[in-house]
PDB file of N, CA and C in Angstrom:
ATOM      1  N   MET A   1       0.838  -1.180   0.000  1.00  0.00           N
ATOM      2  CA  MET A   1       0.000   0.000   0.000  1.00  0.00           C
ATOM      3  C   MET A   1       0.888   1.250   0.000  1.00  0.00           C
ATOM      4  N   VAL A   2       0.515   2.208  -0.814  1.00  0.00           N
ATOM      5  CA  VAL A   2       1.274   3.445  -0.955  1.00  0.00           C
ATOM      6  C   VAL A   2       0.433   4.595  -0.417  1.00  0.00           C
ATOM      7  N   PRO A   3       1.029   5.466   0.433  1.00  0.00           N
ATOM      8  CA  PRO A   3       0.247   6.592   0.944  1.00  0.00           C
ATOM      9  C   PRO A   3      -0.069   7.597  -0.151  1.00  0.00           C
ATOM     10  N   PHE A   4      -1.289   8.122  -0.110  1.00  0.00           N
ATOM     11  CA  PHE A   4      -1.736   9.145  -1.046  1.00  0.00           C
ATOM     12  C   PHE A   4      -2.448  10.211  -0.219  1.00  0.00           C
ATOM     13  N   GLY A   5      -1.743  11.257   0.119  1.00  0.00           N
ATOM     14  CA  GLY A   5      -2.291  12.267   1.000  1.00  0.00           C
ATOM     15  C   GLY A   5      -2.115  11.852   2.448  1.00  0.00           C
ATOM     16  N   LYS A   6      -2.901  12.443   3.323  1.00  0.00           N
ATOM     17  CA  LYS A   6      -2.767  12.174   4.750  1.00  0.00           C
ATOM     18  C   LYS A   6      -3.568  10.959   5.200  1.00  0.00           C
ATOM     19  N   ALA A   7      -4.655  10.643   4.505  1.00  0.00           N
ATOM     20  CA  ALA A   7      -5.537   9.607   5.025  1.00  0.00           C
ATOM     21  C   ALA A   7      -5.828   8.486   4.033  1.00  0.00           C
ATOM     22  N   ALA A   8      -5.242   8.516   2.876  1.00  0.00           N
ATOM     23  CA  ALA A   8      -5.589   7.519   1.859  1.00  0.00           C
ATOM     24  C   ALA A   8      -4.376   6.661   1.496  1.00  0.00           C
ATOM     25  N   PHE A   9      -4.643   5.407   1.211  1.00  0.00           N
ATOM     26  CA  PHE A   9      -3.642   4.466   0.727  1.00  0.00           C
ATOM     27  C   PHE A   9      -4.241   3.720  -0.458  1.00  0.00           C
ATOM     28  N   PHE A  10      -3.387   3.377  -1.390  1.00  0.00           N
ATOM     29  CA  PHE A  10      -3.873   2.557  -2.488  1.00  0.00           C
ATOM     30  C   PHE A  10      -2.773   1.595  -2.907  1.00  0.00           C
ATOM     31  N   PRO A  11      -3.151   0.467  -3.495  1.00  0.00           N
ATOM     32  CA  PRO A  11      -2.140  -0.511  -3.898  1.00  0.00           C
ATOM     33  C   PRO A  11      -1.329   0.016  -5.076  1.00  0.00           C
ATOM     34  N   SER A  12      -0.020  -0.133  -4.977  1.00  0.00           N
ATOM     35  CA  SER A  12       0.843   0.359  -6.048  1.00  0.00           C
ATOM     36  C   SER A  12       2.240  -0.210  -5.869  1.00  0.00           C
ATOM     37  N   CYS A  13       3.124   0.207  -6.760  1.00  0.00           N
ATOM     38  CA  CYS A  13       4.521  -0.206  -6.715  1.00  0.00           C
ATOM     39  C   CYS A  13       5.382   1.048  -6.844  1.00  0.00           C
ATOM     40  N   LEU A  14       6.291   1.255  -5.926  1.00  0.00           N
ATOM     41  CA  LEU A  14       7.162   2.431  -5.964  1.00  0.00           C
ATOM     42  C   LEU A  14       8.390   2.135  -6.820  1.00  0.00           C
ATOM     43  N   ILE A  15       8.692   3.053  -7.749  1.00  0.00           N
ATOM     44  CA  ILE A  15       9.891   2.927  -8.582  1.00  0.00           C
ATOM     45  C   ILE A  15      10.603   4.273  -8.599  1.00  0.00           C
ATOM     46  N   HIS A  16      11.886   4.255  -8.803  1.00  0.00           N
ATOM     47  CA  HIS A  16      12.709   5.474  -8.886  1.00  0.00           C
ATOM     48  C   HIS A  16      12.511   6.366  -7.658  1.00  0.00           C
ATOM     49  N   THR A  17      12.590   5.788  -6.476  1.00  0.00           N
ATOM     50  CA  THR A  17      12.356   6.556  -5.247  1.00  0.00           C
ATOM     51  C   THR A  17      13.548   7.423  -4.861  1.00  0.00           C
ATOM     52  N   ASN A  18      14.675   7.254  -5.532  1.00  0.00           N
ATOM     53  CA  ASN A  18      15.873   8.016  -5.211  1.00  0.00           C
ATOM     54  C   ASN A  18      16.145   9.095  -6.257  1.00  0.00           C
ATOM     55  N   GLU A  19      15.145   9.472  -7.051  1.00  0.00           N
ATOM     56  CA  GLU A  19      15.352  10.452  -8.114  1.00  0.00           C
ATOM     57  C   GLU A  19      14.471  11.671  -7.888  1.00  0.00           C
ATOM     58  N   PHE A  20      15.025  12.831  -8.224  1.00  0.00           N
ATOM     59  CA  PHE A  20      14.318  14.090  -8.086  1.00  0.00           C
ATOM     60  C   PHE A  20      14.419  14.855  -9.395  1.00  0.00           C
ATOM     61  N   LEU A  21      13.408  15.650  -9.686  1.00  0.00           N
ATOM     62  CA  LEU A  21      13.423  16.521 -10.840  1.00  0.00           C
ATOM     63  C   LEU A  21      13.991  17.857 -10.386  1.00  0.00           C
ATOM     64  N   VAL A  22      15.153  18.242 -10.950  1.00  0.00           N
ATOM     65  CA  VAL A  22      15.889  19.422 -10.485  1.00  0.00           C
ATOM     66  C   VAL A  22      15.917  20.468 -11.586  1.00  0.00           C
ATOM     67  N   LEU A  23      15.633  21.727 -11.184  1.00  0.00           N
ATOM     68  CA  LEU A  23      15.740  22.849 -12.111  1.00  0.00           C
ATOM     69  C   LEU A  23      17.219  23.157 -12.327  1.00  0.00           C
ATOM     70  N   LEU A  24      17.653  23.036 -13.565  1.00  0.00           N
ATOM     71  CA  LEU A  24      19.052  23.333 -13.891  1.00  0.00           C
ATOM     72  C   LEU A  24      19.227  24.789 -14.299  1.00  0.00           C
ATOM     73  N   GLY A  25      18.161  25.435 -14.709  1.00  0.00           N
ATOM     74  CA  GLY A  25      18.216  26.842 -15.084  1.00  0.00           C
ATOM     75  C   GLY A  25      17.508  27.095 -16.397  1.00  0.00           C
ATOM     76  N   GLU A  26      16.931  28.273 -16.527  1.00  0.00           N
ATOM     77  CA  GLU A  26      16.261  28.708 -17.748  1.00  0.00           C
ATOM     78  C   GLU A  26      15.217  27.705 -18.247  1.00  0.00           C
ATOM     79  N   GLY A  27      14.498  27.097 -17.330  1.00  0.00           N
ATOM     80  CA  GLY A  27      13.430  26.181 -17.712  1.00  0.00           C
ATOM     81  C   GLY A  27      13.893  24.777 -18.050  1.00  0.00           C
ATOM     82  N   TYR A  28      15.155  24.460 -17.802  1.00  0.00           N
ATOM     83  CA  TYR A  28      15.665  23.113 -18.070  1.00  0.00           C
ATOM     84  C   TYR A  28      15.669  22.302 -16.780  1.00  0.00           C
ATOM     85  N   TYR A  29      15.075  21.123 -16.849  1.00  0.00           N
ATOM     86  CA  TYR A  29      14.999  20.222 -15.709  1.00  0.00           C
ATOM     87  C   TYR A  29      15.681  18.912 -16.067  1.00  0.00           C
ATOM     88  N   ASP A  30      16.147  18.224 -15.041  1.00  0.00           N
ATOM     89  CA  ASP A  30      16.760  16.922 -15.248  1.00  0.00           C
ATOM     90  C   ASP A  30      16.526  16.070 -14.013  1.00  0.00           C
ATOM     91  N   GLU A  31      16.445  14.774 -14.217  1.00  0.00           N
ATOM     92  CA  GLU A  31      16.307  13.862 -13.089  1.00  0.00           C
ATOM     93  C   GLU A  31      17.685  13.583 -12.521  1.00  0.00           C
ATOM     94  N   ARG A  32      17.816  13.754 -11.208  1.00  0.00           N
ATOM     95  CA  ARG A  32      19.081  13.536 -10.505  1.00  0.00           C
ATOM     96  C   ARG A  32      18.831  12.652  -9.303  1.00  0.00           C
ATOM     97  N   THR A  33      19.881  11.992  -8.857  1.00  0.00           N
ATOM     98  CA  THR A  33      19.779  11.198  -7.641  1.00  0.00           C
ATOM     99  C   THR A  33      19.715  12.133  -6.439  1.00  0.00           C
ATOM    100  N   SER A  34      19.352  11.590  -5.297  1.00  0.00           N
ATOM    101  CA  SER A  34      19.259  12.433  -4.103  1.00  0.00           C
ATOM    102  C   SER A  34      20.620  13.023  -3.741  1.00  0.00           C
ATOM    103  N   LYS A  35      21.689  12.254  -3.911  1.00  0.00           N
ATOM    104  CA  LYS A  35      23.034  12.757  -3.610  1.00  0.00           C
ATOM    105  C   LYS A  35      23.398  13.924  -4.528  1.00  0.00           C
ATOM    106  N   GLN A  36      23.124  13.769  -5.817  1.00  0.00           N
ATOM    107  CA  GLN A  36      23.413  14.845  -6.763  1.00  0.00           C
ATOM    108  C   GLN A  36      22.551  16.075  -6.468  1.00  0.00           C
ATOM    109  N   THR A  37      21.300  15.844  -6.083  1.00  0.00           N
ATOM    110  CA  THR A  37      20.399  16.942  -5.762  1.00  0.00           C
ATOM    111  C   THR A  37      20.906  17.720  -4.557  1.00  0.00           C
ATOM    112  N   VAL A  38      21.364  17.016  -3.541  1.00  0.00           N
ATOM    113  CA  VAL A  38      21.899  17.675  -2.351  1.00  0.00           C
ATOM    114  C   VAL A  38      23.121  18.511  -2.719  1.00  0.00           C
ATOM    115  N   GLU A  39      23.999  17.990  -3.562  1.00  0.00           N
ATOM    116  CA  GLU A  39      25.193  18.735  -3.983  1.00  0.00           C
ATOM    117  C   GLU A  39      24.802  19.998  -4.749  1.00  0.00           C
ATOM    118  N   ILE A  40      23.815  19.891  -5.626  1.00  0.00           N
ATOM    119  CA  ILE A  40      23.354  21.052  -6.393  1.00  0.00           C
ATOM    120  C   ILE A  40      22.798  22.113  -5.447  1.00  0.00           C
ATOM    121  N   LEU A  41      21.984  21.677  -4.490  1.00  0.00           N
ATOM    122  CA  LEU A  41      21.392  22.622  -3.543  1.00  0.00           C
ATOM    123  C   LEU A  41      22.439  23.259  -2.639  1.00  0.00           C
ATOM    124  N   GLN A  42      23.467  22.519  -2.268  1.00  0.00           N
ATOM    125  CA  GLN A  42      24.544  23.096  -1.454  1.00  0.00           C
ATOM    126  C   GLN A  42      25.304  24.159  -2.232  1.00  0.00           C
ATOM    127  N   ARG A  43      25.573  23.901  -3.515  1.00  0.00           N
ATOM    128  CA  ARG A  43      26.247  24.905  -4.347  1.00  0.00           C
ATOM    129  C   ARG A  43      25.384  26.158  -4.482  1.00  0.00           C
ATOM    130  N   ARG A  44      24.092  25.967  -4.689  1.00  0.00           N
ATOM    131  CA  ARG A  44      23.192  27.124  -4.801  1.00  0.00           C
ATOM    132  C   ARG A  44      23.155  27.893  -3.483  1.00  0.00           C
ATOM    133  N   GLY A  45      23.169  27.174  -2.373  1.00  0.00           N
ATOM    134  CA  GLY A  45      23.169  27.825  -1.063  1.00  0.00           C
ATOM    135  C   GLY A  45      24.410  28.658  -0.853  1.00  0.00           C
ATOM    136  N   LYS A  46      25.575  28.133  -1.245  1.00  0.00           N
ATOM    137  CA  LYS A  46      26.816  28.894  -1.112  1.00  0.00           C
ATOM    138  C   LYS A  46      26.781  30.146  -1.979  1.00  0.00           C
ATOM    139  N   SER A  47      26.247  30.013  -3.181  1.00  0.00           N
ATOM    140  CA  SER A  47      26.136  31.160  -4.079  1.00  0.00           C
ATOM    141  C   SER A  47      25.225  32.225  -3.476  1.00  0.00           C
ATOM    142  N   LEU A  48      24.102  31.798  -2.914  1.00  0.00           N
ATOM    143  CA  LEU A  48      23.186  32.747  -2.298  1.00  0.00           C
ATOM    144  C   LEU A  48      23.802  33.392  -1.059  1.00  0.00           C
ATOM    145  N   ASP A  49      24.554  32.619  -0.280  1.00  0.00           N
ATOM    146  CA  ASP A  49      25.222  33.184   0.902  1.00  0.00           C
ATOM    147  C   ASP A  49      26.198  34.284   0.502  1.00  0.00           C
ATOM    148  N   SER A  50      26.960  34.056  -0.577  1.00  0.00           N
ATOM    149  CA  SER A  50      27.910  35.078  -1.010  1.00  0.00           C
ATOM    150  C   SER A  50      27.180  36.323  -1.512  1.00  0.00           C
ATOM    151  N   ARG A  51      26.042  36.130  -2.164  1.00  0.00           N
ATOM    152  CA  ARG A  51      25.258  37.290  -2.616  1.00  0.00           C
ATOM    153  C   ARG A  51      24.720  38.077  -1.430  1.00  0.00           C
ATOM    154  N   VAL A  52      24.238  37.365  -0.423  1.00  0.00           N
ATOM    155  CA  VAL A  52      23.715  38.029   0.775  1.00  0.00           C
ATOM    156  C   VAL A  52      24.827  38.801   1.476  1.00  0.00           C
ATOM    157  N   ASP A  53      26.010  38.194   1.594  1.00  0.00           N
ATOM    158  CA  ASP A  53      27.141  38.885   2.216  1.00  0.00           C
ATOM    159  C   ASP A  53      27.485  40.161   1.457  1.00  0.00           C
ATOM    160  N   SER A  54      27.489  40.077   0.132  1.00  0.00           N
ATOM    161  CA  SER A  54      27.789  41.249  -0.693  1.00  0.00           C
ATOM    162  C   SER A  54      26.742  42.340  -0.491  1.00  0.00           C
ATOM    163  N   LEU A  55      25.479  41.945  -0.428  1.00  0.00           N
ATOM    164  CA  LEU A  55      24.420  42.932  -0.216  1.00  0.00           C
ATOM    165  C   LEU A  55      24.500  43.550   1.177  1.00  0.00           C
ATOM    166  N   GLU A  56      24.873  42.761   2.176  1.00  0.00           N
ATOM    167  CA  GLU A  56      25.023  43.306   3.525  1.00  0.00           C
ATOM    168  C   GLU A  56      26.131  44.350   3.568  1.00  0.00           C
ATOM    169  N   VAL A  57      27.228  44.117   2.863  1.00  0.00           N
ATOM    170  CA  VAL A  57      28.311  45.092   2.805  1.00  0.00           C
ATOM    171  C   VAL A  57      27.823  46.369   2.119  1.00  0.00           C
ATOM    172  N   ASN A  58      27.080  46.215   1.022  1.00  0.00           N
ATOM    173  CA  ASN A  58      26.549  47.387   0.326  1.00  0.00           C
ATOM    174  C   ASN A  58      25.603  48.171   1.223  1.00  0.00           C
ATOM    175  N   ILE A  59      24.764  47.468   1.990  1.00  0.00           N
ATOM    176  CA  ILE A  59      23.831  48.139   2.892  1.00  0.00           C
ATOM    177  C   ILE A  59      24.587  48.914   3.961  1.00  0.00           C
ATOM    178  N   LYS A  60      25.633  48.320   4.529  1.00  0.00           N
ATOM    179  CA  LYS A  60      26.422  49.010   5.552  1.00  0.00           C
ATOM    180  C   LYS A  60      27.087  50.254   4.978  1.00  0.00           C
ATOM    181  N   ASP A  61      27.608  50.157   3.742  1.00  0.00           N
ATOM    182  CA  ASP A  61      28.213  51.323   3.102  1.00  0.00           C
ATOM    183  C   ASP A  61      27.180  52.426   2.886  1.00  0.00           C
ATOM    184  N   LEU A  62      25.995  52.054   2.428  1.00  0.00           N
ATOM    185  CA  LEU A  62      24.949  53.052   2.197  1.00  0.00           C
ATOM    186  C   LEU A  62      24.478  53.677   3.507  1.00  0.00           C
ATOM    187  N   GLU A  63      24.389  52.866   4.570  1.00  0.00           N
ATOM    188  CA  GLU A  63      24.009  53.416   5.870  1.00  0.00           C
ATOM    189  C   GLU A  63      25.058  54.394   6.385  1.00  0.00           C
ATOM    190  N   ALA A  64      26.334  54.073   6.197  1.00  0.00           N
ATOM    191  CA  ALA A  64      27.401  54.980   6.625  1.00  0.00           C
ATOM    192  C   ALA A  64      27.348  56.273   5.820  1.00  0.00           C
ATOM    193  N   GLU A  65      27.114  56.161   4.526  1.00  0.00           N
ATOM    194  CA  GLU A  65      27.025  57.347   3.680  1.00  0.00           C
ATOM    195  C   GLU A  65      25.818  58.202   4.072  1.00  0.00           C
ATOM    196  N   ALA A  66      24.690  57.556   4.344  1.00  0.00           N
ATOM    197  CA  ALA A  66      23.490  58.291   4.755  1.00  0.00           C
ATOM    198  C   ALA A  66      23.713  58.982   6.088  1.00  0.00           C
ATOM    199  N   SER A  67      24.393  58.314   7.005  1.00  0.00           N
ATOM    200  CA  SER A  67      24.690  58.912   8.305  1.00  0.00           C
ATOM    201  C   SER A  67      25.578  60.136   8.137  1.00  0.00           C
ATOM    202  N   PHE A  68      26.589  60.021   7.281  1.00  0.00           N
ATOM    203  CA  PHE A  68      27.488  61.148   7.026  1.00  0.00           C
ATOM    204  C   PHE A  68      26.730  62.311   6.408  1.00  0.00           C
ATOM    205  N   LEU A  69      25.897  62.011   5.416  1.00  0.00           N
ATOM    206  CA  LEU A  69      25.138  63.080   4.769  1.00  0.00           C
ATOM    207  C   LEU A  69      24.150  63.726   5.729  1.00  0.00           C
ATOM    208  N   ASN A  70      23.550  62.943   6.594  1.00  0.00           N
ATOM    209  CA  ASN A  70      22.624  63.483   7.586  1.00  0.00           C
ATOM    210  C   ASN A  70      23.365  64.408   8.553  1.00  0.00           C
ATOM    211  N   ALA A  71      24.529  63.968   9.012  1.00  0.00           N
ATOM    212  CA  ALA A  71      25.316  64.798   9.925  1.00  0.00           C
ATOM    213  C   ALA A  71      25.769  66.080   9.232  1.00  0.00           C
ATOM    214  N   THR A  72      26.196  65.978   7.990  1.00  0.00           N
ATOM    215  CA  THR A  72      26.637  67.147   7.230  1.00  0.00           C
ATOM    216  C   THR A  72      25.485  68.117   7.032  1.00  0.00           C
ATOM    217  N   ALA A  73      24.315  67.575   6.672  1.00  0.00           N
ATOM    218  CA  ALA A  73      23.152  68.441   6.463  1.00  0.00           C
ATOM    219  C   ALA A  73      22.764  69.135   7.764  1.00  0.00           C
ATOM    220  N   SER A  74      22.788  68.413   8.874  1.00  0.00           N
ATOM    221  CA  SER A  74      22.456  69.018  10.166  1.00  0.00           C
ATOM    222  C   SER A  74      23.433  70.129  10.508  1.00  0.00           C
ATOM    223  N   PHE A  75      24.710  69.893  10.255  1.00  0.00           N
ATOM    224  CA  PHE A  75      25.729  70.900  10.523  1.00  0.00           C
ATOM    225  C   PHE A  75      25.498  72.147   9.662  1.00  0.00           C
ATOM    226  N   LEU A  76      25.213  71.931   8.383  1.00  0.00           N
ATOM    227  CA  LEU A  76      25.010  73.075   7.483  1.00  0.00           C
ATOM    228  C   LEU A  76      23.764  73.870   7.857  1.00  0.00           C
ATOM    229  N   VAL A  77      22.704  73.190   8.245  1.00  0.00           N
ATOM    230  CA  VAL A  77      21.494  73.894   8.665  1.00  0.00           C
ATOM    231  C   VAL A  77      21.771  74.703   9.928  1.00  0.00           C
ATOM    232  N   ALA A  78      22.445  74.093  10.891  1.00  0.00           N
ATOM    233  CA  ALA A  78      22.776  74.813  12.130  1.00  0.00           C
ATOM    234  C   ALA A  78      23.667  76.013  11.825  1.00  0.00           C
ATOM    235  N   ARG A  79      24.636  75.832  10.965  1.00  0.00           N
ATOM    236  CA  ARG A  79      25.548  76.930  10.608  1.00  0.00           C
ATOM    237  C   ARG A  79      24.794  78.053   9.912  1.00  0.00           C
ATOM    238  N   PHE A  80      23.874  77.679   9.017  1.00  0.00           N
ATOM    239  CA  PHE A  80      23.085  78.679   8.300  1.00  0.00           C
ATOM    240  C   PHE A  80      22.293  79.537   9.290  1.00  0.00           C
ATOM    241  N   PHE A  81      21.603  78.889  10.233  1.00  0.00           N
ATOM    242  CA  PHE A  81      20.797  79.659  11.190  1.00  0.00           C
ATOM    243  C   PHE A  81      21.672  80.443  12.153  1.00  0.00           C
ATOM    244  N   TRP A  82      22.835  79.910  12.487  1.00  0.00           N
ATOM    245  CA  TRP A  82      23.759  80.640  13.363  1.00  0.00           C
ATOM    246  C   TRP A  82      24.227  81.901  12.678  1.00  0.00           C
ATOM    247  N   GLU A  83      24.652  81.771  11.392  1.00  0.00           N
ATOM    248  CA  GLU A  83      25.121  82.943  10.648  1.00  0.00           C
ATOM    249  C   GLU A  83      24.005  83.921  10.401  1.00  0.00           C
ATOM    250  N   LYS A  84      22.794  83.420  10.146  1.00  0.00           N
ATOM    251  CA  LYS A  84      21.654  84.295   9.923  1.00  0.00           C
ATOM    252  C   LYS A  84      21.345  85.065  11.218  1.00  0.00           C
ATOM    253  N   GLY A  85      21.402  84.401  12.336  1.00  0.00           N
ATOM    254  CA  GLY A  85      21.144  85.066  13.623  1.00  0.00           C
ATOM    255  C   GLY A  85      22.258  86.042  13.970  1.00  0.00           C
ATOM    256  N   LYS A  86      23.498  85.737  13.587  1.00  0.00           N
ATOM    257  CA  LYS A  86      24.646  86.592  13.873  1.00  0.00           C
ATOM    258  C   LYS A  86      24.576  87.875  13.056  1.00  0.00           C
ATOM    259  N   GLY A  87      24.052  87.770  11.831  1.00  0.00           N
ATOM    260  CA  GLY A  87      23.987  88.936  10.939  1.00  0.00           C
ATOM    261  C   GLY A  87      22.903  89.907  11.327  1.00  0.00           C
ATOM    262  N   THR A  88      21.907  89.473  12.083  1.00  0.00           N
ATOM    263  CA  THR A  88      20.806  90.372  12.446  1.00  0.00           C
ATOM    264  C   THR A  88      21.113  91.154  13.715  1.00  0.00           C
ATOM    265  N   GLU A  89      22.179  90.839  14.413  1.00  0.00           N
ATOM    266  CA  GLU A  89      22.502  91.540  15.672  1.00  0.00           C
ATOM    267  C   GLU A  89      23.098  92.892  15.426  1.00  0.00           C
TER     268      GLU A  89
END
């Protein structure tokens, strides 16, 4: 008996239980063994980890730049009002 869903079983024969259909890219699929599938997924995971690391570095750089620009803008606004107040005395 082979499970079909959570509550149903029917008589059948299981074949190719160690094969998975894997997306190779651009709509191309291929049947791979479970070992090959795990290796493919590990490579994809490493690639995604490196992309995430790169994006985190870019985010930190942008945050530092935004902080600098915010501080510079605050300084310039304060200086403008200070000079404006100094000129009216």
